Amino acid sequence: MHTTDPRPGFAQRMTKEEINTCPIRRWEGPVHVVRTTAELSQAIQALEDETILGFDTETRPAYHKGESYLPSLLQLAGEKEVFLFQLKPLGLPTLLREILANPKVVKAGVALAYDLQELHKLAQFRPAGFVDLGNLAKKAEIKNHGLRGLAAVLLGFRIAKGAQTSNWSRDVLDPAQIQYAATDAWVGRELYLTLRQAGEDSSQ
């Protein structure tokens, strides 16, 4: 489901108004919500052959001073399907930590340092294979470094933000939350592929 080549010329930051003129796109493939150990085993098996994953997490928003929550959801997007791991019932099990610590599997996303710091509150692991898209964008002299800005600049579409501040710790995610979470992870993978291709083209 790879999209377009990067737009030439990144001298100017793409404004919020310009981003809002882009068409909205969403992940339209299969999404699996994983909350039991049986579902976890099936998901890990399905991910075994993946070498590039889009990565993201979601946390219930905190609105009051001193209030905080652990990550509720970990998303991994493969080539053809996206998996949403609900961390409240699962914790951060060994099978997931092994993917997060595998240097041979790229995990691409934005603001990874914070996501990893929060996941460490659930369990300790040694992260490997993570690629921060914001850092890749800086190296490519792209002025937008967030997921939404990069999607608009590189892929030519925008991501809906409606479910961003919803309650991610609920036992049953609603369809809007599932689509939002899956789209964020898928876009991370698409952006990595596009930035990698751009890097390869520029080095030839």
N, C-alpha and C. Protein backbone atom coordinates (compact mmCIF):
# COMPACT_ATOMS: atom_id res chain seq x y z
N MET A 1 0.83 -1.19 0.00
CA MET A 1 0.00 0.00 0.00
C MET A 1 0.87 1.25 0.00
N HIS A 2 2.02 1.16 -0.61
CA HIS A 2 2.96 2.27 -0.66
C HIS A 2 2.38 3.38 -1.53
N THR A 3 2.63 4.62 -1.16
CA THR A 3 1.95 5.73 -1.82
C THR A 3 2.85 6.44 -2.80
N THR A 4 3.15 7.71 -2.54
CA THR A 4 3.82 8.52 -3.55
C THR A 4 5.27 8.80 -3.18
N ASP A 5 6.01 9.29 -4.15
CA ASP A 5 7.37 9.73 -3.89
C ASP A 5 7.34 11.03 -3.12
N PRO A 6 8.41 11.35 -2.39
CA PRO A 6 8.45 12.61 -1.65
C PRO A 6 8.30 13.81 -2.58
N ARG A 7 7.67 14.83 -2.09
CA ARG A 7 7.56 16.05 -2.88
C ARG A 7 8.91 16.75 -2.95
N PRO A 8 9.29 17.26 -4.08
CA PRO A 8 10.59 17.91 -4.19
C PRO A 8 10.62 19.23 -3.42
N GLY A 9 11.71 19.48 -2.73
CA GLY A 9 11.89 20.77 -2.07
C GLY A 9 11.22 20.83 -0.72
N PHE A 10 12.01 20.91 0.35
CA PHE A 10 11.45 20.95 1.69
C PHE A 10 11.89 22.23 2.42
N ALA A 11 12.14 23.27 1.65
CA ALA A 11 12.71 24.48 2.25
C ALA A 11 11.75 25.13 3.24
N GLN A 12 10.44 25.00 3.01
CA GLN A 12 9.46 25.64 3.86
C GLN A 12 8.72 24.61 4.71
N ARG A 13 8.44 24.99 5.94
CA ARG A 13 7.61 24.14 6.80
C ARG A 13 6.17 24.17 6.26
N MET A 14 5.54 23.04 6.17
CA MET A 14 4.14 22.97 5.74
C MET A 14 3.26 23.42 6.91
N THR A 15 2.43 24.43 6.69
CA THR A 15 1.62 24.99 7.77
C THR A 15 0.41 24.11 8.07
N LYS A 16 -0.21 24.37 9.22
CA LYS A 16 -1.42 23.63 9.59
C LYS A 16 -2.51 23.84 8.55
N GLU A 17 -2.60 25.07 8.04
CA GLU A 17 -3.62 25.37 7.02
C GLU A 17 -3.35 24.58 5.74
N GLU A 18 -2.09 24.48 5.36
CA GLU A 18 -1.75 23.71 4.15
C GLU A 18 -2.01 22.21 4.36
N ILE A 19 -1.67 21.72 5.55
CA ILE A 19 -1.93 20.31 5.85
C ILE A 19 -3.43 20.02 5.76
N ASN A 20 -4.24 20.97 6.25
CA ASN A 20 -5.69 20.76 6.25
C ASN A 20 -6.31 20.73 4.85
N THR A 21 -5.56 21.16 3.85
CA THR A 21 -6.08 21.08 2.47
C THR A 21 -5.85 19.70 1.86
N CYS A 22 -5.03 18.87 2.51
CA CYS A 22 -4.75 17.53 1.98
C CYS A 22 -5.94 16.61 2.26
N PRO A 23 -6.17 15.65 1.38
CA PRO A 23 -7.25 14.69 1.63
C PRO A 23 -6.92 13.79 2.81
N ILE A 24 -7.95 13.38 3.53
CA ILE A 24 -7.75 12.45 4.65
C ILE A 24 -7.62 11.03 4.11
N ARG A 25 -6.66 10.30 4.68
CA ARG A 25 -6.55 8.87 4.36
C ARG A 25 -6.45 8.07 5.65
N ARG A 26 -6.92 6.85 5.60
CA ARG A 26 -6.90 5.96 6.76
C ARG A 26 -6.40 4.58 6.32
N TRP A 27 -5.90 3.84 7.30
CA TRP A 27 -5.58 2.44 7.04
C TRP A 27 -6.88 1.70 6.75
N GLU A 28 -6.90 0.96 5.66
CA GLU A 28 -8.12 0.27 5.24
C GLU A 28 -7.98 -1.25 5.24
N GLY A 29 -6.85 -1.75 5.72
CA GLY A 29 -6.64 -3.19 5.75
C GLY A 29 -7.08 -3.81 7.07
N PRO A 30 -6.75 -5.07 7.28
CA PRO A 30 -7.14 -5.77 8.51
C PRO A 30 -6.48 -5.18 9.75
N VAL A 31 -7.26 -5.09 10.83
CA VAL A 31 -6.75 -4.64 12.13
C VAL A 31 -7.14 -5.70 13.16
N HIS A 32 -6.18 -6.10 13.98
CA HIS A 32 -6.43 -7.11 15.01
C HIS A 32 -6.20 -6.47 16.39
N VAL A 33 -7.24 -6.45 17.21
CA VAL A 33 -7.11 -5.97 18.58
C VAL A 33 -6.75 -7.17 19.45
N VAL A 34 -5.62 -7.07 20.14
CA VAL A 34 -5.05 -8.21 20.89
C VAL A 34 -5.15 -7.92 22.38
N ARG A 35 -5.88 -8.81 23.12
CA ARG A 35 -6.01 -8.58 24.56
C ARG A 35 -5.88 -9.87 25.38
N THR A 36 -5.78 -11.04 24.73
CA THR A 36 -5.63 -12.30 25.44
C THR A 36 -4.31 -12.96 25.06
N THR A 37 -3.87 -13.91 25.87
CA THR A 37 -2.60 -14.58 25.57
C THR A 37 -2.71 -15.40 24.28
N ALA A 38 -3.89 -15.96 24.01
CA ALA A 38 -4.08 -16.72 22.76
C ALA A 38 -3.96 -15.79 21.56
N GLU A 39 -4.60 -14.62 21.65
CA GLU A 39 -4.51 -13.64 20.55
C GLU A 39 -3.08 -13.13 20.40
N LEU A 40 -2.38 -12.99 21.52
CA LEU A 40 -0.99 -12.55 21.49
C LEU A 40 -0.12 -13.54 20.71
N SER A 41 -0.28 -14.82 20.99
CA SER A 41 0.51 -15.84 20.29
C SER A 41 0.25 -15.80 18.79
N GLN A 42 -1.02 -15.65 18.40
CA GLN A 42 -1.37 -15.58 16.98
C GLN A 42 -0.74 -14.36 16.33
N ALA A 43 -0.78 -13.22 17.04
CA ALA A 43 -0.24 -11.98 16.50
C ALA A 43 1.27 -12.07 16.30
N ILE A 44 1.96 -12.59 17.29
CA ILE A 44 3.43 -12.72 17.19
C ILE A 44 3.80 -13.64 16.04
N GLN A 45 3.03 -14.70 15.87
CA GLN A 45 3.27 -15.63 14.75
C GLN A 45 3.10 -14.91 13.42
N ALA A 46 2.06 -14.07 13.32
CA ALA A 46 1.80 -13.34 12.08
C ALA A 46 2.89 -12.31 11.80
N LEU A 47 3.54 -11.83 12.85
CA LEU A 47 4.57 -10.79 12.69
C LEU A 47 5.97 -11.37 12.46
N GLU A 48 6.11 -12.68 12.52
CA GLU A 48 7.45 -13.31 12.48
C GLU A 48 8.25 -12.94 11.24
N ASP A 49 7.59 -12.81 10.10
CA ASP A 49 8.33 -12.56 8.85
C ASP A 49 8.49 -11.07 8.54
N GLU A 50 7.97 -10.21 9.40
CA GLU A 50 8.06 -8.76 9.15
C GLU A 50 9.43 -8.24 9.57
N THR A 51 10.01 -7.41 8.72
CA THR A 51 11.30 -6.78 9.07
C THR A 51 11.17 -5.27 9.24
N ILE A 52 10.04 -4.71 8.83
CA ILE A 52 9.78 -3.27 8.99
C ILE A 52 8.38 -3.10 9.58
N LEU A 53 8.32 -2.50 10.76
CA LEU A 53 7.04 -2.30 11.43
C LEU A 53 6.83 -0.82 11.73
N GLY A 54 5.62 -0.34 11.48
CA GLY A 54 5.23 0.96 12.01
C GLY A 54 4.93 0.79 13.49
N PHE A 55 5.35 1.76 14.30
CA PHE A 55 5.26 1.62 15.76
C PHE A 55 4.60 2.87 16.35
N ASP A 56 3.74 2.66 17.34
CA ASP A 56 3.18 3.79 18.07
C ASP A 56 2.60 3.27 19.38
N THR A 57 2.32 4.18 20.30
CA THR A 57 1.59 3.82 21.52
C THR A 57 0.51 4.86 21.76
N GLU A 58 -0.48 4.51 22.55
CA GLU A 58 -1.53 5.44 22.97
C GLU A 58 -1.69 5.34 24.48
N THR A 59 -1.91 6.49 25.11
CA THR A 59 -2.09 6.55 26.56
C THR A 59 -3.31 7.38 26.87
N ARG A 60 -4.06 6.95 27.87
CA ARG A 60 -5.22 7.73 28.31
C ARG A 60 -4.76 9.13 28.70
N PRO A 61 -5.41 10.19 28.19
CA PRO A 61 -4.97 11.54 28.53
C PRO A 61 -5.23 11.89 29.99
N ALA A 62 -4.34 12.68 30.56
CA ALA A 62 -4.49 13.16 31.95
C ALA A 62 -4.81 14.65 31.93
N TYR A 63 -5.85 15.03 32.64
CA TYR A 63 -6.30 16.43 32.61
C TYR A 63 -6.06 17.17 33.92
N HIS A 64 -5.63 16.48 34.96
CA HIS A 64 -5.47 17.11 36.27
C HIS A 64 -4.03 16.99 36.75
N LYS A 65 -3.61 17.96 37.52
CA LYS A 65 -2.25 17.98 38.06
C LYS A 65 -1.99 16.73 38.89
N GLY A 66 -0.86 16.09 38.64
CA GLY A 66 -0.50 14.88 39.38
C GLY A 66 -1.12 13.61 38.84
N GLU A 67 -1.98 13.75 37.85
CA GLU A 67 -2.64 12.58 37.25
C GLU A 67 -1.77 12.03 36.12
N SER A 68 -1.60 10.72 36.06
CA SER A 68 -0.85 10.12 34.96
C SER A 68 -1.32 8.69 34.76
N TYR A 69 -1.10 8.18 33.57
CA TYR A 69 -1.53 6.83 33.24
C TYR A 69 -0.42 6.10 32.51
N LEU A 70 -0.41 4.80 32.66
CA LEU A 70 0.53 3.97 31.91
C LEU A 70 0.04 3.82 30.47
N PRO A 71 0.92 3.48 29.54
CA PRO A 71 0.47 3.27 28.16
C PRO A 71 -0.63 2.22 28.09
N SER A 72 -1.63 2.50 27.28
CA SER A 72 -2.78 1.60 27.16
C SER A 72 -2.69 0.69 25.94
N LEU A 73 -2.03 1.19 24.91
CA LEU A 73 -2.05 0.48 23.62
C LEU A 73 -0.69 0.56 22.97
N LEU A 74 -0.25 -0.54 22.36
CA LEU A 74 0.96 -0.56 21.55
C LEU A 74 0.56 -1.06 20.17
N GLN A 75 0.88 -0.25 19.15
CA GLN A 75 0.49 -0.60 17.79
C GLN A 75 1.72 -1.01 16.96
N LEU A 76 1.58 -2.10 16.23
CA LEU A 76 2.61 -2.53 15.29
C LEU A 76 1.95 -2.78 13.95
N ALA A 77 2.44 -2.11 12.92
CA ALA A 77 1.88 -2.23 11.57
C ALA A 77 2.85 -2.98 10.68
N GLY A 78 2.41 -4.12 10.15
CA GLY A 78 3.17 -4.85 9.15
C GLY A 78 2.76 -4.43 7.75
N GLU A 79 3.20 -5.19 6.78
CA GLU A 79 2.92 -4.82 5.39
C GLU A 79 1.43 -4.91 5.06
N LYS A 80 0.74 -5.90 5.61
CA LYS A 80 -0.64 -6.15 5.19
C LYS A 80 -1.66 -6.11 6.33
N GLU A 81 -1.21 -6.04 7.58
CA GLU A 81 -2.15 -5.99 8.70
C GLU A 81 -1.53 -5.25 9.87
N VAL A 82 -2.42 -4.73 10.71
CA VAL A 82 -1.99 -3.94 11.87
C VAL A 82 -2.49 -4.62 13.14
N PHE A 83 -1.64 -4.63 14.16
CA PHE A 83 -1.98 -5.25 15.43
C PHE A 83 -1.98 -4.19 16.54
N LEU A 84 -3.05 -4.17 17.31
CA LEU A 84 -3.19 -3.25 18.44
C LEU A 84 -3.18 -4.08 19.72
N PHE A 85 -2.13 -3.94 20.50
CA PHE A 85 -1.98 -4.72 21.73
C PHE A 85 -2.48 -3.90 22.92
N GLN A 86 -3.52 -4.40 23.58
CA GLN A 86 -4.07 -3.71 24.75
C GLN A 86 -3.24 -4.08 25.97
N LEU A 87 -2.53 -3.09 26.51
CA LEU A 87 -1.52 -3.36 27.53
C LEU A 87 -2.11 -3.50 28.93
N LYS A 88 -3.34 -3.02 29.13
CA LYS A 88 -3.96 -3.16 30.46
C LYS A 88 -4.16 -4.63 30.82
N PRO A 89 -4.76 -5.45 29.94
CA PRO A 89 -4.87 -6.87 30.27
C PRO A 89 -3.60 -7.68 30.01
N LEU A 90 -2.78 -7.24 29.06
CA LEU A 90 -1.61 -8.04 28.66
C LEU A 90 -0.36 -7.72 29.47
N GLY A 91 -0.24 -6.46 29.95
CA GLY A 91 1.05 -5.99 30.42
C GLY A 91 1.97 -5.85 29.21
N LEU A 92 3.26 -5.99 29.44
CA LEU A 92 4.21 -5.98 28.32
C LEU A 92 4.92 -7.34 28.33
N PRO A 93 4.27 -8.34 27.72
CA PRO A 93 4.77 -9.71 27.84
C PRO A 93 6.08 -9.94 27.09
N THR A 94 6.73 -11.03 27.44
CA THR A 94 8.04 -11.38 26.86
C THR A 94 8.00 -11.39 25.34
N LEU A 95 6.95 -11.96 24.76
CA LEU A 95 6.87 -12.07 23.30
C LEU A 95 6.90 -10.69 22.64
N LEU A 96 6.27 -9.72 23.25
CA LEU A 96 6.30 -8.35 22.70
C LEU A 96 7.66 -7.71 22.94
N ARG A 97 8.20 -7.92 24.14
CA ARG A 97 9.51 -7.32 24.45
C ARG A 97 10.59 -7.85 23.51
N GLU A 98 10.46 -9.09 23.08
CA GLU A 98 11.45 -9.65 22.15
C GLU A 98 11.43 -8.92 20.80
N ILE A 99 10.25 -8.53 20.35
CA ILE A 99 10.18 -7.73 19.11
C ILE A 99 10.81 -6.37 19.33
N LEU A 100 10.50 -5.75 20.48
CA LEU A 100 11.02 -4.41 20.76
C LEU A 100 12.54 -4.40 20.93
N ALA A 101 13.10 -5.56 21.26
CA ALA A 101 14.55 -5.66 21.48
C ALA A 101 15.29 -6.29 20.30
N ASN A 102 14.57 -6.58 19.22
CA ASN A 102 15.18 -7.26 18.09
C ASN A 102 15.80 -6.25 17.12
N PRO A 103 17.13 -6.22 16.99
CA PRO A 103 17.77 -5.23 16.12
C PRO A 103 17.52 -5.49 14.63
N LYS A 104 17.04 -6.70 14.29
CA LYS A 104 16.81 -7.03 12.88
C LYS A 104 15.43 -6.59 12.40
N VAL A 105 14.61 -6.10 13.32
CA VAL A 105 13.26 -5.63 12.96
C VAL A 105 13.20 -4.12 13.18
N VAL A 106 13.03 -3.37 12.09
CA VAL A 106 12.90 -1.92 12.20
C VAL A 106 11.54 -1.60 12.82
N LYS A 107 11.54 -0.72 13.83
CA LYS A 107 10.31 -0.18 14.40
C LYS A 107 10.35 1.33 14.18
N ALA A 108 9.50 1.83 13.28
CA ALA A 108 9.57 3.24 12.87
C ALA A 108 8.40 4.02 13.45
N GLY A 109 8.72 5.17 14.03
CA GLY A 109 7.69 6.04 14.58
C GLY A 109 8.27 7.40 14.91
N VAL A 110 7.49 8.24 15.59
CA VAL A 110 7.97 9.57 15.98
C VAL A 110 7.96 9.69 17.50
N ALA A 111 8.82 10.58 18.01
CA ALA A 111 8.93 10.83 19.46
C ALA A 111 9.10 9.51 20.23
N LEU A 112 10.01 8.69 19.74
CA LEU A 112 10.16 7.34 20.29
C LEU A 112 10.72 7.34 21.71
N ALA A 113 11.54 8.31 22.04
CA ALA A 113 12.17 8.31 23.37
C ALA A 113 11.10 8.32 24.46
N TYR A 114 10.06 9.13 24.27
CA TYR A 114 9.00 9.20 25.28
C TYR A 114 8.21 7.89 25.33
N ASP A 115 7.85 7.36 24.16
CA ASP A 115 7.11 6.09 24.11
C ASP A 115 7.88 4.99 24.84
N LEU A 116 9.17 4.89 24.58
CA LEU A 116 9.98 3.83 25.18
C LEU A 116 10.13 4.04 26.68
N GLN A 117 10.28 5.29 27.08
CA GLN A 117 10.38 5.61 28.51
C GLN A 117 9.12 5.15 29.24
N GLU A 118 7.97 5.39 28.63
CA GLU A 118 6.70 5.00 29.26
C GLU A 118 6.52 3.49 29.25
N LEU A 119 6.91 2.81 28.18
CA LEU A 119 6.80 1.36 28.14
C LEU A 119 7.69 0.69 29.19
N HIS A 120 8.80 1.34 29.50
CA HIS A 120 9.69 0.78 30.52
C HIS A 120 9.05 0.77 31.90
N LYS A 121 8.00 1.56 32.08
CA LYS A 121 7.28 1.54 33.36
C LYS A 121 6.46 0.25 33.51
N LEU A 122 6.20 -0.42 32.38
CA LEU A 122 5.48 -1.69 32.41
C LEU A 122 6.43 -2.88 32.58
N ALA A 123 7.58 -2.81 31.92
CA ALA A 123 8.58 -3.88 32.00
C ALA A 123 9.88 -3.38 31.39
N GLN A 124 10.98 -3.93 31.86
CA GLN A 124 12.29 -3.53 31.34
C GLN A 124 12.65 -4.35 30.10
N PHE A 125 13.23 -3.68 29.12
CA PHE A 125 13.75 -4.35 27.93
C PHE A 125 14.80 -3.43 27.33
N ARG A 126 15.61 -3.98 26.44
CA ARG A 126 16.66 -3.18 25.80
C ARG A 126 16.22 -2.88 24.37
N PRO A 127 15.76 -1.66 24.10
CA PRO A 127 15.23 -1.34 22.76
C PRO A 127 16.31 -1.45 21.69
N ALA A 128 15.94 -2.02 20.55
CA ALA A 128 16.85 -2.11 19.42
C ALA A 128 16.02 -2.08 18.14
N GLY A 129 16.61 -1.51 17.09
CA GLY A 129 15.93 -1.46 15.80
C GLY A 129 14.95 -0.30 15.66
N PHE A 130 14.94 0.62 16.60
CA PHE A 130 14.00 1.74 16.52
C PHE A 130 14.55 2.86 15.64
N VAL A 131 13.71 3.42 14.80
CA VAL A 131 14.09 4.52 13.91
C VAL A 131 13.11 5.67 14.13
N ASP A 132 13.63 6.80 14.61
CA ASP A 132 12.78 7.97 14.83
C ASP A 132 12.64 8.75 13.53
N LEU A 133 11.42 8.82 13.03
CA LEU A 133 11.18 9.47 11.73
C LEU A 133 11.49 10.95 11.77
N GLY A 134 11.33 11.58 12.94
CA GLY A 134 11.68 12.99 13.06
C GLY A 134 13.16 13.22 12.80
N ASN A 135 14.00 12.31 13.30
CA ASN A 135 15.44 12.43 13.06
C ASN A 135 15.78 12.22 11.59
N LEU A 136 15.10 11.24 10.95
CA LEU A 136 15.33 11.03 9.52
C LEU A 136 14.92 12.26 8.72
N ALA A 137 13.81 12.86 9.12
CA ALA A 137 13.31 14.05 8.43
C ALA A 137 14.31 15.20 8.54
N LYS A 138 14.89 15.37 9.72
CA LYS A 138 15.88 16.44 9.91
C LYS A 138 17.09 16.23 9.00
N LYS A 139 17.53 14.98 8.91
CA LYS A 139 18.67 14.68 8.03
C LYS A 139 18.35 14.97 6.58
N ALA A 140 17.08 14.79 6.21
CA ALA A 140 16.64 15.06 4.83
C ALA A 140 16.26 16.53 4.64
N GLU A 141 16.50 17.34 5.70
CA GLU A 141 16.22 18.78 5.67
C GLU A 141 14.73 19.08 5.45
N ILE A 142 13.90 18.21 6.00
CA ILE A 142 12.45 18.45 5.99
C ILE A 142 12.10 19.22 7.26
N LYS A 143 11.28 20.24 7.13
CA LYS A 143 11.00 21.14 8.26
C LYS A 143 9.93 20.58 9.19
N ASN A 144 9.04 19.73 8.69
CA ASN A 144 8.02 19.12 9.54
C ASN A 144 8.57 17.81 10.11
N HIS A 145 8.40 17.63 11.42
CA HIS A 145 8.98 16.45 12.06
C HIS A 145 7.94 15.56 12.73
N GLY A 146 6.70 16.03 12.88
CA GLY A 146 5.65 15.23 13.49
C GLY A 146 5.01 14.29 12.47
N LEU A 147 4.26 13.33 12.97
CA LEU A 147 3.66 12.32 12.10
C LEU A 147 2.72 12.96 11.08
N ARG A 148 1.87 13.88 11.54
CA ARG A 148 0.88 14.47 10.64
C ARG A 148 1.53 15.38 9.59
N GLY A 149 2.50 16.17 10.02
CA GLY A 149 3.20 17.02 9.08
C GLY A 149 3.96 16.22 8.04
N LEU A 150 4.62 15.16 8.50
CA LEU A 150 5.40 14.33 7.57
C LEU A 150 4.48 13.59 6.59
N ALA A 151 3.32 13.15 7.07
CA ALA A 151 2.37 12.47 6.16
C ALA A 151 1.94 13.42 5.05
N ALA A 152 1.68 14.66 5.42
CA ALA A 152 1.25 15.64 4.41
C ALA A 152 2.38 15.95 3.43
N VAL A 153 3.59 16.17 3.96
CA VAL A 153 4.73 16.54 3.11
C VAL A 153 5.14 15.39 2.19
N LEU A 154 5.25 14.20 2.75
CA LEU A 154 5.83 13.08 2.01
C LEU A 154 4.81 12.19 1.31
N LEU A 155 3.64 12.07 1.90
CA LEU A 155 2.65 11.13 1.36
C LEU A 155 1.45 11.84 0.73
N GLY A 156 1.32 13.14 0.99
CA GLY A 156 0.28 13.92 0.32
C GLY A 156 -1.11 13.78 0.90
N PHE A 157 -1.20 13.26 2.14
CA PHE A 157 -2.52 13.19 2.78
C PHE A 157 -2.41 13.55 4.25
N ARG A 158 -3.55 13.73 4.89
CA ARG A 158 -3.54 14.04 6.32
C ARG A 158 -4.28 12.95 7.08
N ILE A 159 -3.99 12.92 8.38
CA ILE A 159 -4.57 11.91 9.27
C ILE A 159 -5.60 12.60 10.15
N ALA A 160 -6.77 12.02 10.26
CA ALA A 160 -7.80 12.55 11.16
C ALA A 160 -7.33 12.44 12.61
N LYS A 161 -7.66 13.45 13.44
CA LYS A 161 -7.17 13.47 14.82
C LYS A 161 -8.28 13.24 15.84
N GLY A 162 -9.47 12.90 15.39
CA GLY A 162 -10.64 12.85 16.26
C GLY A 162 -10.48 12.04 17.53
N ALA A 163 -9.87 10.86 17.44
CA ALA A 163 -9.80 9.96 18.60
C ALA A 163 -8.55 10.15 19.44
N GLN A 164 -7.74 11.14 19.11
CA GLN A 164 -6.42 11.30 19.74
C GLN A 164 -6.50 11.37 21.27
N THR A 165 -7.45 12.13 21.80
CA THR A 165 -7.52 12.34 23.24
C THR A 165 -8.65 11.53 23.89
N SER A 166 -9.02 10.41 23.29
CA SER A 166 -10.07 9.58 23.86
C SER A 166 -9.49 8.69 24.97
N ASN A 167 -10.36 7.96 25.65
CA ASN A 167 -9.92 7.09 26.74
C ASN A 167 -9.40 5.77 26.19
N TRP A 168 -8.08 5.68 26.09
CA TRP A 168 -7.45 4.50 25.50
C TRP A 168 -7.41 3.31 26.44
N SER A 169 -7.74 3.52 27.72
CA SER A 169 -7.66 2.41 28.67
C SER A 169 -8.97 1.64 28.79
N ARG A 170 -9.98 2.02 28.04
CA ARG A 170 -11.25 1.30 28.11
C ARG A 170 -11.07 -0.13 27.63
N ASP A 171 -11.90 -1.03 28.16
CA ASP A 171 -11.76 -2.45 27.83
C ASP A 171 -12.07 -2.73 26.36
N VAL A 172 -13.08 -2.06 25.83
CA VAL A 172 -13.47 -2.27 24.43
C VAL A 172 -13.28 -0.96 23.67
N LEU A 173 -12.34 -0.95 22.74
CA LEU A 173 -12.09 0.24 21.93
C LEU A 173 -13.21 0.41 20.91
N ASP A 174 -13.60 1.66 20.65
CA ASP A 174 -14.64 1.86 19.64
C ASP A 174 -14.01 1.90 18.24
N PRO A 175 -14.82 1.78 17.19
CA PRO A 175 -14.27 1.72 15.83
C PRO A 175 -13.40 2.92 15.46
N ALA A 176 -13.76 4.11 15.94
CA ALA A 176 -12.95 5.30 15.62
C ALA A 176 -11.57 5.20 16.26
N GLN A 177 -11.49 4.70 17.48
CA GLN A 177 -10.20 4.53 18.15
C GLN A 177 -9.34 3.49 17.40
N ILE A 178 -9.96 2.40 17.02
CA ILE A 178 -9.23 1.33 16.33
C ILE A 178 -8.66 1.85 15.01
N GLN A 179 -9.48 2.58 14.27
CA GLN A 179 -9.01 3.10 12.98
C GLN A 179 -7.90 4.14 13.16
N TYR A 180 -8.06 5.02 14.14
CA TYR A 180 -7.05 6.04 14.42
C TYR A 180 -5.72 5.40 14.79
N ALA A 181 -5.76 4.44 15.73
CA ALA A 181 -4.53 3.81 16.21
C ALA A 181 -3.84 3.01 15.10
N ALA A 182 -4.63 2.31 14.30
CA ALA A 182 -4.06 1.53 13.20
C ALA A 182 -3.44 2.45 12.14
N THR A 183 -4.11 3.56 11.86
CA THR A 183 -3.61 4.50 10.85
C THR A 183 -2.28 5.10 11.27
N ASP A 184 -2.15 5.50 12.54
CA ASP A 184 -0.89 6.08 13.00
C ASP A 184 0.28 5.12 12.79
N ALA A 185 0.07 3.85 13.13
CA ALA A 185 1.15 2.87 12.97
C ALA A 185 1.46 2.63 11.50
N TRP A 186 0.43 2.50 10.69
CA TRP A 186 0.62 2.29 9.24
C TRP A 186 1.38 3.47 8.62
N VAL A 187 1.02 4.69 8.99
CA VAL A 187 1.69 5.87 8.44
C VAL A 187 3.17 5.87 8.83
N GLY A 188 3.48 5.45 10.05
CA GLY A 188 4.88 5.36 10.45
C GLY A 188 5.68 4.45 9.53
N ARG A 189 5.10 3.32 9.18
CA ARG A 189 5.78 2.39 8.27
C ARG A 189 5.93 3.00 6.88
N GLU A 190 4.87 3.62 6.38
CA GLU A 190 4.91 4.24 5.04
C GLU A 190 5.96 5.35 4.98
N LEU A 191 6.02 6.15 6.03
CA LEU A 191 6.99 7.25 6.05
C LEU A 191 8.42 6.71 6.07
N TYR A 192 8.65 5.65 6.83
CA TYR A 192 9.99 5.07 6.86
C TYR A 192 10.40 4.60 5.47
N LEU A 193 9.50 3.89 4.78
CA LEU A 193 9.81 3.40 3.44
C LEU A 193 10.10 4.54 2.48
N THR A 194 9.31 5.63 2.60
CA THR A 194 9.50 6.77 1.70
C THR A 194 10.81 7.50 1.99
N LEU A 195 11.11 7.71 3.27
CA LEU A 195 12.35 8.40 3.64
C LEU A 195 13.57 7.55 3.29
N ARG A 196 13.46 6.25 3.47
CA ARG A 196 14.57 5.36 3.11
C ARG A 196 14.83 5.40 1.61
N GLN A 197 13.76 5.37 0.82
CA GLN A 197 13.89 5.44 -0.63
C GLN A 197 14.53 6.76 -1.05
N ALA A 198 14.07 7.86 -0.41
CA ALA A 198 14.62 9.18 -0.73
C ALA A 198 16.11 9.22 -0.41
N GLY A 199 16.51 8.60 0.70
CA GLY A 199 17.92 8.56 1.08
C GLY A 199 18.74 7.76 0.08
N GLU A 200 18.18 6.63 -0.36
CA GLU A 200 18.88 5.80 -1.35
C GLU A 200 19.03 6.53 -2.68
N ASP A 201 17.97 7.23 -3.08
CA ASP A 201 18.01 7.97 -4.35
C ASP A 201 19.05 9.08 -4.31
N SER A 202 19.14 9.77 -3.17
CA SER A 202 20.07 10.91 -3.07
C SER A 202 21.52 10.46 -2.99
N SER A 203 21.73 9.21 -2.58
CA SER A 203 23.11 8.74 -2.46
C SER A 203 23.63 8.11 -3.75
N GLN A 204 22.77 7.98 -4.74
CA GLN A 204 23.22 7.38 -6.01
C GLN A 204 23.83 8.39 -6.93
